[in-house]
Protein backbone atom coordinates (compact mmCIF):
# COMPACT_ATOMS: atom_id res chain seq x y z
CA MET A 1 32.96 -6.63 -24.03
CA ASN A 2 29.69 -6.79 -26.42
CA LYS A 3 26.72 -8.95 -24.72
CA ASN A 4 24.64 -11.16 -26.91
CA PRO A 5 21.50 -8.87 -27.48
CA PHE A 6 19.27 -12.07 -27.67
CA GLY A 7 20.80 -13.52 -24.43
CA ASP A 8 22.91 -16.41 -23.56
CA VAL A 9 21.69 -19.44 -25.42
CA THR A 10 21.74 -21.54 -22.23
CA GLU A 11 19.71 -19.17 -20.35
CA ARG A 12 17.10 -19.10 -23.36
CA LEU A 13 17.07 -22.88 -23.40
CA ASP A 14 16.27 -22.90 -19.63
CA LYS A 15 12.97 -21.03 -20.33
CA ASP A 16 11.71 -23.77 -22.42
CA ARG A 17 9.40 -26.49 -21.38
CA TYR A 18 9.42 -30.22 -22.20
CA GLU A 19 6.45 -32.44 -22.23
CA THR A 20 7.63 -35.82 -22.71
CA ASP A 21 5.54 -38.60 -24.31
CA ILE A 22 6.46 -41.56 -22.14
CA GLU A 23 4.43 -43.92 -24.33
CA GLU A 24 6.06 -43.11 -27.74
CA SER A 25 9.46 -41.83 -28.87
CA HIS A 26 9.34 -39.73 -31.91
CA ILE A 27 12.93 -40.70 -32.94
CA LYS A 28 13.55 -44.43 -33.79
CA VAL A 29 16.98 -45.64 -34.96
CA ASN A 30 17.72 -48.67 -37.22
CA GLN A 31 20.61 -49.97 -35.22
CA GLU A 32 21.83 -52.21 -38.09
CA ALA A 33 21.77 -49.48 -40.68
CA ALA A 34 23.52 -46.95 -38.21
CA ALA A 35 26.42 -49.52 -37.62
CA LYS A 36 26.90 -50.20 -41.25
CA SER A 37 26.99 -46.58 -42.05
CA ASN A 38 29.01 -45.50 -38.92
CA ALA A 39 26.36 -42.88 -38.20
CA VAL A 40 26.68 -43.26 -34.43
CA ASP A 41 29.64 -40.91 -34.36
CA LEU A 42 27.92 -38.35 -36.67
CA LEU A 43 24.74 -38.13 -34.82
CA ILE A 44 26.66 -37.64 -31.43
CA ARG A 45 28.68 -34.74 -33.24
CA ILE A 46 25.74 -33.06 -34.83
CA CYS A 47 23.05 -32.95 -32.43
CA PRO A 48 22.82 -29.63 -30.38
CA ALA A 49 20.70 -31.13 -27.57
CA HIS A 50 23.15 -33.90 -27.17
CA VAL A 51 20.15 -36.65 -27.57
CA TYR A 52 22.34 -39.48 -29.08
CA SER A 53 24.88 -41.24 -27.14
CA LYS A 54 27.02 -44.50 -27.85
CA GLN A 55 26.36 -47.68 -25.83
CA PRO A 56 29.32 -49.96 -24.66
CA ASP A 57 28.13 -52.35 -27.52
CA GLY A 58 28.39 -49.57 -30.07
CA SER A 59 24.57 -49.01 -30.52
CA ILE A 60 22.99 -45.56 -30.16
CA ASN A 61 21.04 -44.55 -27.30
CA VAL A 62 18.28 -42.02 -27.80
CA MET A 63 17.17 -39.39 -25.09
CA TYR A 64 14.36 -38.11 -26.88
CA ALA A 65 12.89 -36.09 -24.22
CA ALA A 66 15.68 -33.35 -24.79
CA CYS A 67 15.24 -33.16 -28.31
CA LEU A 68 14.99 -29.61 -29.74
CA GLU A 69 12.96 -30.69 -32.90
CA CYS A 70 15.18 -28.76 -35.00
CA GLY A 71 15.72 -31.83 -37.58
CA THR A 72 19.63 -31.54 -37.89
CA CYS A 73 19.92 -35.42 -37.07
CA LEU A 74 17.71 -36.32 -39.85
CA ALA A 75 19.03 -33.96 -42.44
CA ALA A 76 22.52 -35.46 -41.71
CA ALA A 77 21.75 -39.06 -41.17
CA PRO A 78 22.51 -41.49 -44.02
CA VAL A 79 18.94 -42.72 -45.63
CA GLY A 80 17.42 -45.48 -43.49
CA VAL A 81 19.22 -44.81 -40.18
CA LEU A 82 16.54 -42.43 -38.43
CA SER A 83 12.73 -42.50 -38.49
CA TRP A 84 11.95 -39.21 -37.12
CA GLN A 85 8.51 -37.29 -36.75
CA TYR A 86 7.27 -34.63 -34.82
CA PRO A 87 6.02 -35.84 -31.31
CA ARG A 88 2.24 -35.96 -30.78
CA SER A 89 0.16 -33.21 -30.23
CA GLY A 90 0.91 -31.35 -27.05
CA MET A 91 4.25 -33.15 -26.49
CA GLY A 92 7.73 -32.28 -27.04
CA ILE A 93 9.45 -28.91 -26.52
CA ILE A 94 7.62 -25.89 -25.65
CA PHE A 95 9.79 -22.83 -26.67
CA ARG A 96 9.36 -19.80 -24.48
CA GLU A 97 10.89 -16.26 -24.96
CA SER A 98 9.24 -14.31 -22.00
């Protein structure tokens, strides 16, 4: 059995730190546009950090503190569904490799 020379993804992500910006989310969802475009299920499927979840009323919940800032959601979401920017300076994910 060959072991990945870069290590297990979960182990590597466990080394990272998150500085949560409790005052401001860097991801904002236009709930109306998301509902019209059926983007809810798409965002849930494509986000590697599982940031998005569906609420009982069909709206999207965003757990922005877990965001890996990869931009996958922004690239895949229909225009007008998301407003996404990098977190304020010093906030968000801090990747560690050692």
